[in-house]
Amino acid sequence: AKFVIESSEAALRVPQSSLLSQEGVYSLFVVKNDTAYARTVTLGLKNETTIEILSGLEAGDEVVYLGQGFLSNGYPVVRSEK
């Protein structure tokens, strides 16, 4: 059986795979104008596949969730439809 302990319908959620961690600081990359920008984020609730972002991300931001470990801030990005 599964029990819901806490829930937030309006929360921003991203795939857990999109997160990068260094010394306990979490970040991810967002894309604007075909360029990757690093954002430090504060984490909230998580489930098996996604995690809530409490700060550092805005609704509508495009998040890199594949290959982000190879990016640097300001790096050009090519979108994949796969």
PDB file of N, CA and C in Angstrom:
ATOM      1  N   ALA A   1       0.838  -1.180   0.000  1.00  0.00           N
ATOM      2  CA  ALA A   1       0.000   0.000   0.000  1.00  0.00           C
ATOM      3  C   ALA A   1       0.881   1.239   0.000  1.00  0.00           C
ATOM      4  N   LYS A   2       0.412   2.291  -0.657  1.00  0.00           N
ATOM      5  CA  LYS A   2       1.106   3.573  -0.674  1.00  0.00           C
ATOM      6  C   LYS A   2       0.247   4.590   0.052  1.00  0.00           C
ATOM      7  N   PHE A   3       0.891   5.437   0.810  1.00  0.00           N
ATOM      8  CA  PHE A   3       0.198   6.494   1.530  1.00  0.00           C
ATOM      9  C   PHE A   3       0.811   7.829   1.151  1.00  0.00           C
ATOM     10  N   VAL A   4      -0.029   8.796   0.877  1.00  0.00           N
ATOM     11  CA  VAL A   4       0.456  10.141   0.580  1.00  0.00           C
ATOM     12  C   VAL A   4       0.629  10.866   1.899  1.00  0.00           C
ATOM     13  N   ILE A   5       1.848  11.276   2.180  1.00  0.00           N
ATOM     14  CA  ILE A   5       2.143  11.983   3.413  1.00  0.00           C
ATOM     15  C   ILE A   5       1.987  13.480   3.204  1.00  0.00           C
ATOM     16  N   GLU A   6       2.583  13.995   2.111  1.00  0.00           N
ATOM     17  CA  GLU A   6       2.480  15.408   1.768  1.00  0.00           C
ATOM     18  C   GLU A   6       2.307  15.511   0.266  1.00  0.00           C
ATOM     19  N   SER A   7       1.683  16.586  -0.158  1.00  0.00           N
ATOM     20  CA  SER A   7       1.471  16.792  -1.575  1.00  0.00           C
ATOM     21  C   SER A   7       1.338  18.278  -1.851  1.00  0.00           C
ATOM     22  N   SER A   8       1.780  18.668  -3.033  1.00  0.00           N
ATOM     23  CA  SER A   8       1.657  20.064  -3.433  1.00  0.00           C
ATOM     24  C   SER A   8       1.359  20.093  -4.919  1.00  0.00           C
ATOM     25  N   GLU A   9       0.133  20.405  -5.292  1.00  0.00           N
ATOM     26  CA  GLU A   9      -0.288  20.403  -6.687  1.00  0.00           C
ATOM     27  C   GLU A   9       0.376  21.509  -7.495  1.00  0.00           C
ATOM     28  N   ALA A  10       0.682  22.642  -6.906  1.00  0.00           N
ATOM     29  CA  ALA A  10       1.222  23.787  -7.639  1.00  0.00           C
ATOM     30  C   ALA A  10       2.745  23.782  -7.699  1.00  0.00           C
ATOM     31  N   ALA A  11       3.373  22.753  -7.197  1.00  0.00           N
ATOM     32  CA  ALA A  11       4.834  22.710  -7.113  1.00  0.00           C
ATOM     33  C   ALA A  11       5.474  22.545  -8.491  1.00  0.00           C
ATOM     34  N   LEU A  12       6.650  23.143  -8.653  1.00  0.00           N
ATOM     35  CA  LEU A  12       7.462  22.891  -9.837  1.00  0.00           C
ATOM     36  C   LEU A  12       8.215  21.597  -9.598  1.00  0.00           C
ATOM     37  N   ARG A  13       8.104  20.659 -10.541  1.00  0.00           N
ATOM     38  CA  ARG A  13       8.764  19.366 -10.408  1.00  0.00           C
ATOM     39  C   ARG A  13       9.616  19.112 -11.641  1.00  0.00           C
ATOM     40  N   VAL A  14      10.766  18.486 -11.445  1.00  0.00           N
ATOM     41  CA  VAL A  14      11.658  18.121 -12.544  1.00  0.00           C
ATOM     42  C   VAL A  14      12.057  16.660 -12.364  1.00  0.00           C
ATOM     43  N   PRO A  15      12.507  16.018 -13.453  1.00  0.00           N
ATOM     44  CA  PRO A  15      13.046  14.662 -13.304  1.00  0.00           C
ATOM     45  C   PRO A  15      14.264  14.690 -12.380  1.00  0.00           C
ATOM     46  N   GLN A  16      14.360  13.714 -11.507  1.00  0.00           N
ATOM     47  CA  GLN A  16      15.517  13.659 -10.617  1.00  0.00           C
ATOM     48  C   GLN A  16      16.821  13.571 -11.403  1.00  0.00           C
ATOM     49  N   SER A  17      16.751  12.987 -12.598  1.00  0.00           N
ATOM     50  CA  SER A  17      17.953  12.836 -13.432  1.00  0.00           C
ATOM     51  C   SER A  17      18.494  14.170 -13.927  1.00  0.00           C
ATOM     52  N   SER A  18      17.714  15.243 -13.858  1.00  0.00           N
ATOM     53  CA  SER A  18      18.179  16.547 -14.334  1.00  0.00           C
ATOM     54  C   SER A  18      19.088  17.254 -13.331  1.00  0.00           C
ATOM     55  N   LEU A  19      19.133  16.770 -12.101  1.00  0.00           N
ATOM     56  CA  LEU A  19      19.911  17.431 -11.049  1.00  0.00           C
ATOM     57  C   LEU A  19      21.382  17.057 -11.068  1.00  0.00           C
ATOM     58  N   LEU A  20      22.196  18.035 -10.756  1.00  0.00           N
ATOM     59  CA  LEU A  20      23.622  17.828 -10.544  1.00  0.00           C
ATOM     60  C   LEU A  20      23.904  18.180  -9.085  1.00  0.00           C
ATOM     61  N   SER A  21      24.837  17.474  -8.468  1.00  0.00           N
ATOM     62  CA  SER A  21      25.160  17.733  -7.069  1.00  0.00           C
ATOM     63  C   SER A  21      26.664  17.836  -6.898  1.00  0.00           C
ATOM     64  N   GLN A  22      27.081  18.880  -6.175  1.00  0.00           N
ATOM     65  CA  GLN A  22      28.496  19.034  -5.858  1.00  0.00           C
ATOM     66  C   GLN A  22      28.598  19.564  -4.438  1.00  0.00           C
ATOM     67  N   GLU A  23      29.176  18.754  -3.570  1.00  0.00           N
ATOM     68  CA  GLU A  23      29.372  19.110  -2.160  1.00  0.00           C
ATOM     69  C   GLU A  23      28.062  19.541  -1.498  1.00  0.00           C
ATOM     70  N   GLY A  24      26.981  18.820  -1.789  1.00  0.00           N
ATOM     71  CA  GLY A  24      25.692  19.092  -1.165  1.00  0.00           C
ATOM     72  C   GLY A  24      24.914  20.244  -1.761  1.00  0.00           C
ATOM     73  N   VAL A  25      25.431  20.860  -2.823  1.00  0.00           N
ATOM     74  CA  VAL A  25      24.726  21.945  -3.503  1.00  0.00           C
ATOM     75  C   VAL A  25      24.147  21.377  -4.792  1.00  0.00           C
ATOM     76  N   TYR A  26      22.841  21.580  -4.983  1.00  0.00           N
ATOM     77  CA  TYR A  26      22.161  21.039  -6.146  1.00  0.00           C
ATOM     78  C   TYR A  26      21.956  22.116  -7.193  1.00  0.00           C
ATOM     79  N   SER A  27      22.133  21.715  -8.449  1.00  0.00           N
ATOM     80  CA  SER A  27      21.927  22.642  -9.554  1.00  0.00           C
ATOM     81  C   SER A  27      21.354  21.885 -10.737  1.00  0.00           C
ATOM     82  N   LEU A  28      20.905  22.651 -11.721  1.00  0.00           N
ATOM     83  CA  LEU A  28      20.454  22.108 -12.984  1.00  0.00           C
ATOM     84  C   LEU A  28      20.710  23.145 -14.052  1.00  0.00           C
ATOM     85  N   PHE A  29      20.520  22.761 -15.303  1.00  0.00           N
ATOM     86  CA  PHE A  29      20.700  23.692 -16.402  1.00  0.00           C
ATOM     87  C   PHE A  29      19.356  24.013 -17.025  1.00  0.00           C
ATOM     88  N   VAL A  30      19.121  25.282 -17.280  1.00  0.00           N
ATOM     89  CA  VAL A  30      17.952  25.718 -18.039  1.00  0.00           C
ATOM     90  C   VAL A  30      18.466  26.252 -19.376  1.00  0.00           C
ATOM     91  N   VAL A  31      17.574  26.248 -20.372  1.00  0.00           N
ATOM     92  CA  VAL A  31      17.942  26.696 -21.707  1.00  0.00           C
ATOM     93  C   VAL A  31      17.155  27.951 -22.051  1.00  0.00           C
ATOM     94  N   LYS A  32      17.875  28.976 -22.452  1.00  0.00           N
ATOM     95  CA  LYS A  32      17.278  30.213 -22.955  1.00  0.00           C
ATOM     96  C   LYS A  32      18.046  30.612 -24.201  1.00  0.00           C
ATOM     97  N   ASN A  33      17.311  30.863 -25.280  1.00  0.00           N
ATOM     98  CA  ASN A  33      17.934  31.259 -26.555  1.00  0.00           C
ATOM     99  C   ASN A  33      19.025  30.286 -26.979  1.00  0.00           C
ATOM    100  N   ASP A  34      18.740  28.990 -26.873  1.00  0.00           N
ATOM    101  CA  ASP A  34      19.662  27.918 -27.282  1.00  0.00           C
ATOM    102  C   ASP A  34      20.990  27.926 -26.525  1.00  0.00           C
ATOM    103  N   THR A  35      20.984  28.455 -25.307  1.00  0.00           N
ATOM    104  CA  THR A  35      22.173  28.487 -24.462  1.00  0.00           C
ATOM    105  C   THR A  35      21.831  27.926 -23.084  1.00  0.00           C
ATOM    106  N   ALA A  36      22.734  27.122 -22.514  1.00  0.00           N
ATOM    107  CA  ALA A  36      22.533  26.516 -21.198  1.00  0.00           C
ATOM    108  C   ALA A  36      23.025  27.454 -20.105  1.00  0.00           C
ATOM    109  N   TYR A  37      22.216  27.592 -19.074  1.00  0.00           N
ATOM    110  CA  TYR A  37      22.591  28.409 -17.917  1.00  0.00           C
ATOM    111  C   TYR A  37      22.410  27.588 -16.647  1.00  0.00           C
ATOM    112  N   ALA A  38      23.436  27.553 -15.817  1.00  0.00           N
ATOM    113  CA  ALA A  38      23.379  26.807 -14.556  1.00  0.00           C
ATOM    114  C   ALA A  38      22.539  27.573 -13.546  1.00  0.00           C
ATOM    115  N   ARG A  39      21.729  26.838 -12.800  1.00  0.00           N
ATOM    116  CA  ARG A  39      20.929  27.423 -11.728  1.00  0.00           C
ATOM    117  C   ARG A  39      21.082  26.580 -10.474  1.00  0.00           C
ATOM    118  N   THR A  40      21.396  27.221  -9.368  1.00  0.00           N
ATOM    119  CA  THR A  40      21.402  26.543  -8.077  1.00  0.00           C
ATOM    120  C   THR A  40      19.957  26.476  -7.606  1.00  0.00           C
ATOM    121  N   VAL A  41      19.547  25.306  -7.123  1.00  0.00           N
ATOM    122  CA  VAL A  41      18.153  25.109  -6.726  1.00  0.00           C
ATOM    123  C   VAL A  41      18.052  24.573  -5.309  1.00  0.00           C
ATOM    124  N   THR A  42      16.904  24.836  -4.706  1.00  0.00           N
ATOM    125  CA  THR A  42      16.572  24.281  -3.394  1.00  0.00           C
ATOM    126  C   THR A  42      15.525  23.209  -3.612  1.00  0.00           C
ATOM    127  N   LEU A  43      15.752  22.040  -3.030  1.00  0.00           N
ATOM    128  CA  LEU A  43      14.891  20.887  -3.254  1.00  0.00           C
ATOM    129  C   LEU A  43      13.797  20.764  -2.208  1.00  0.00           C
ATOM    130  N   GLY A  44      12.700  20.141  -2.629  1.00  0.00           N
ATOM    131  CA  GLY A  44      11.584  19.868  -1.736  1.00  0.00           C
ATOM    132  C   GLY A  44      11.269  18.384  -1.743  1.00  0.00           C
ATOM    133  N   LEU A  45       9.997  18.078  -1.818  1.00  0.00           N
ATOM    134  CA  LEU A  45       9.534  16.696  -1.796  1.00  0.00           C
ATOM    135  C   LEU A  45       9.932  15.959  -3.066  1.00  0.00           C
ATOM    136  N   LYS A  46      10.127  14.633  -2.940  1.00  0.00           N
ATOM    137  CA  LYS A  46      10.433  13.835  -4.119  1.00  0.00           C
ATOM    138  C   LYS A  46       9.634  12.551  -4.109  1.00  0.00           C
ATOM    139  N   ASN A  47       9.504  11.971  -5.303  1.00  0.00           N
ATOM    140  CA  ASN A  47       8.908  10.643  -5.422  1.00  0.00           C
ATOM    141  C   ASN A  47       9.891   9.766  -6.183  1.00  0.00           C
ATOM    142  N   GLU A  48       9.418   8.699  -6.797  1.00  0.00           N
ATOM    143  CA  GLU A  48      10.329   7.766  -7.464  1.00  0.00           C
ATOM    144  C   GLU A  48      11.070   8.379  -8.641  1.00  0.00           C
ATOM    145  N   THR A  49      10.462   9.372  -9.324  1.00  0.00           N
ATOM    146  CA  THR A  49      11.058   9.886 -10.553  1.00  0.00           C
ATOM    147  C   THR A  49      11.269  11.394 -10.591  1.00  0.00           C
ATOM    148  N   THR A  50      10.504  12.148  -9.819  1.00  0.00           N
ATOM    149  CA  THR A  50      10.600  13.613  -9.889  1.00  0.00           C
ATOM    150  C   THR A  50      10.901  14.208  -8.522  1.00  0.00           C
ATOM    151  N   ILE A  51      11.335  15.471  -8.551  1.00  0.00           N
ATOM    152  CA  ILE A  51      11.623  16.173  -7.306  1.00  0.00           C
ATOM    153  C   ILE A  51      11.105  17.605  -7.411  1.00  0.00           C
ATOM    154  N   GLU A  52      10.604  18.101  -6.303  1.00  0.00           N
ATOM    155  CA  GLU A  52      10.063  19.448  -6.235  1.00  0.00           C
ATOM    156  C   GLU A  52      11.204  20.457  -6.128  1.00  0.00           C
ATOM    157  N   ILE A  53      11.081  21.560  -6.858  1.00  0.00           N
ATOM    158  CA  ILE A  53      12.060  22.642  -6.784  1.00  0.00           C
ATOM    159  C   ILE A  53      11.409  23.811  -6.057  1.00  0.00           C
ATOM    160  N   LEU A  54      11.947  24.162  -4.900  1.00  0.00           N
ATOM    161  CA  LEU A  54      11.381  25.229  -4.077  1.00  0.00           C
ATOM    162  C   LEU A  54      11.863  26.600  -4.510  1.00  0.00           C
ATOM    163  N   SER A  55      13.104  26.698  -4.988  1.00  0.00           N
ATOM    164  CA  SER A  55      13.626  27.983  -5.467  1.00  0.00           C
ATOM    165  C   SER A  55      14.702  27.729  -6.504  1.00  0.00           C
ATOM    166  N   GLY A  56      14.920  28.741  -7.370  1.00  0.00           N
ATOM    167  CA  GLY A  56      15.945  28.656  -8.395  1.00  0.00           C
ATOM    168  C   GLY A  56      15.417  28.318  -9.768  1.00  0.00           C
ATOM    169  N   LEU A  57      14.116  28.070  -9.875  1.00  0.00           N
ATOM    170  CA  LEU A  57      13.491  27.703 -11.140  1.00  0.00           C
ATOM    171  C   LEU A  57      12.144  28.386 -11.219  1.00  0.00           C
ATOM    172  N   GLU A  58      11.761  28.793 -12.427  1.00  0.00           N
ATOM    173  CA  GLU A  58      10.472  29.439 -12.628  1.00  0.00           C
ATOM    174  C   GLU A  58       9.614  28.592 -13.550  1.00  0.00           C
ATOM    175  N   ALA A  59       8.312  28.701 -13.418  1.00  0.00           N
ATOM    176  CA  ALA A  59       7.387  27.998 -14.306  1.00  0.00           C
ATOM    177  C   ALA A  59       7.699  28.385 -15.745  1.00  0.00           C
ATOM    178  N   GLY A  60       7.764  27.407 -16.619  1.00  0.00           N
ATOM    179  CA  GLY A  60       8.052  27.656 -18.025  1.00  0.00           C
ATOM    180  C   GLY A  60       9.507  27.518 -18.408  1.00  0.00           C
ATOM    181  N   ASP A  61      10.419  27.458 -17.421  1.00  0.00           N
ATOM    182  CA  ASP A  61      11.838  27.261 -17.739  1.00  0.00           C
ATOM    183  C   ASP A  61      12.024  25.897 -18.396  1.00  0.00           C
ATOM    184  N   GLU A  62      12.863  25.833 -19.429  1.00  0.00           N
ATOM    185  CA  GLU A  62      13.217  24.572 -20.067  1.00  0.00           C
ATOM    186  C   GLU A  62      14.414  23.983 -19.325  1.00  0.00           C
ATOM    187  N   VAL A  63      14.274  22.762 -18.850  1.00  0.00           N
ATOM    188  CA  VAL A  63      15.311  22.111 -18.049  1.00  0.00           C
ATOM    189  C   VAL A  63      15.993  21.019 -18.864  1.00  0.00           C
ATOM    190  N   VAL A  64      17.314  20.993 -18.822  1.00  0.00           N
ATOM    191  CA  VAL A  64      18.092  19.934 -19.473  1.00  0.00           C
ATOM    192  C   VAL A  64      18.052  18.705 -18.572  1.00  0.00           C
ATOM    193  N   TYR A  65      17.654  17.571 -19.119  1.00  0.00           N
ATOM    194  CA  TYR A  65      17.587  16.358 -18.303  1.00  0.00           C
ATOM    195  C   TYR A  65      18.402  15.204 -18.871  1.00  0.00           C
ATOM    196  N   LEU A  66      19.116  15.455 -19.964  1.00  0.00           N
ATOM    197  CA  LEU A  66      19.970  14.430 -20.555  1.00  0.00           C
ATOM    198  C   LEU A  66      21.246  15.084 -21.055  1.00  0.00           C
ATOM    199  N   GLY A  67      22.388  14.620 -20.595  1.00  0.00           N
ATOM    200  CA  GLY A  67      23.669  15.155 -21.044  1.00  0.00           C
ATOM    201  C   GLY A  67      24.142  16.385 -20.293  1.00  0.00           C
ATOM    202  N   GLN A  68      23.440  16.763 -19.236  1.00  0.00           N
ATOM    203  CA  GLN A  68      23.792  17.984 -18.503  1.00  0.00           C
ATOM    204  C   GLN A  68      25.155  17.899 -17.828  1.00  0.00           C
ATOM    205  N   GLY A  69      25.646  16.709 -17.592  1.00  0.00           N
ATOM    206  CA  GLY A  69      26.964  16.553 -16.983  1.00  0.00           C
ATOM    207  C   GLY A  69      28.098  17.016 -17.898  1.00  0.00           C
ATOM    208  N   PHE A  70      27.801  17.201 -19.179  1.00  0.00           N
ATOM    209  CA  PHE A  70      28.803  17.640 -20.145  1.00  0.00           C
ATOM    210  C   PHE A  70      28.712  19.135 -20.427  1.00  0.00           C
ATOM    211  N   LEU A  71      27.765  19.827 -19.801  1.00  0.00           N
ATOM    212  CA  LEU A  71      27.546  21.249 -20.070  1.00  0.00           C
ATOM    213  C   LEU A  71      28.339  22.146 -19.132  1.00  0.00           C
ATOM    214  N   SER A  72      28.552  23.365 -19.579  1.00  0.00           N
ATOM    215  CA  SER A  72      29.094  24.444 -18.765  1.00  0.00           C
ATOM    216  C   SER A  72      28.179  25.639 -18.948  1.00  0.00           C
ATOM    217  N   ASN A  73      28.226  26.570 -18.014  1.00  0.00           N
ATOM    218  CA  ASN A  73      27.397  27.764 -18.100  1.00  0.00           C
ATOM    219  C   ASN A  73      27.706  28.527 -19.386  1.00  0.00           C
ATOM    220  N   GLY A  74      26.685  28.867 -20.162  1.00  0.00           N
ATOM    221  CA  GLY A  74      26.860  29.595 -21.404  1.00  0.00           C
ATOM    222  C   GLY A  74      27.110  28.728 -22.623  1.00  0.00           C
ATOM    223  N   TYR A  75      27.076  27.416 -22.441  1.00  0.00           N
ATOM    224  CA  TYR A  75      27.332  26.475 -23.532  1.00  0.00           C
ATOM    225  C   TYR A  75      26.139  26.434 -24.483  1.00  0.00           C
ATOM    226  N   PRO A  76      26.362  26.421 -25.821  1.00  0.00           N
ATOM    227  CA  PRO A  76      25.241  26.318 -26.760  1.00  0.00           C
ATOM    228  C   PRO A  76      24.587  24.938 -26.675  1.00  0.00           C
ATOM    229  N   VAL A  77      23.270  24.904 -26.874  1.00  0.00           N
ATOM    230  CA  VAL A  77      22.502  23.666 -26.738  1.00  0.00           C
ATOM    231  C   VAL A  77      21.736  23.393 -28.015  1.00  0.00           C
ATOM    232  N   VAL A  78      21.717  22.122 -28.418  1.00  0.00           N
ATOM    233  CA  VAL A  78      20.907  21.681 -29.544  1.00  0.00           C
ATOM    234  C   VAL A  78      19.826  20.766 -28.982  1.00  0.00           C
ATOM    235  N   ARG A  79      18.558  21.099 -29.247  1.00  0.00           N
ATOM    236  CA  ARG A  79      17.448  20.300 -28.734  1.00  0.00           C
ATOM    237  C   ARG A  79      17.295  19.027 -29.544  1.00  0.00           C
ATOM    238  N   SER A  80      16.909  17.965 -28.856  1.00  0.00           N
ATOM    239  CA  SER A  80      16.645  16.684 -29.504  1.00  0.00           C
ATOM    240  C   SER A  80      15.166  16.380 -29.342  1.00  0.00           C
ATOM    241  N   GLU A  81      14.566  15.846 -30.352  1.00  0.00           N
ATOM    242  CA  GLU A  81      13.147  15.472 -30.305  1.00  0.00           C
ATOM    243  C   GLU A  81      12.944  14.060 -29.805  1.00  0.00           C
ATOM    244  N   LYS A  82      14.011  13.340 -29.477  1.00  0.00           N
ATOM    245  CA  LYS A  82      13.896  11.943 -29.020  1.00  0.00           C
ATOM    246  C   LYS A  82      13.467  11.867 -27.593  1.00  0.00           C
TER     247      LYS A  82
END
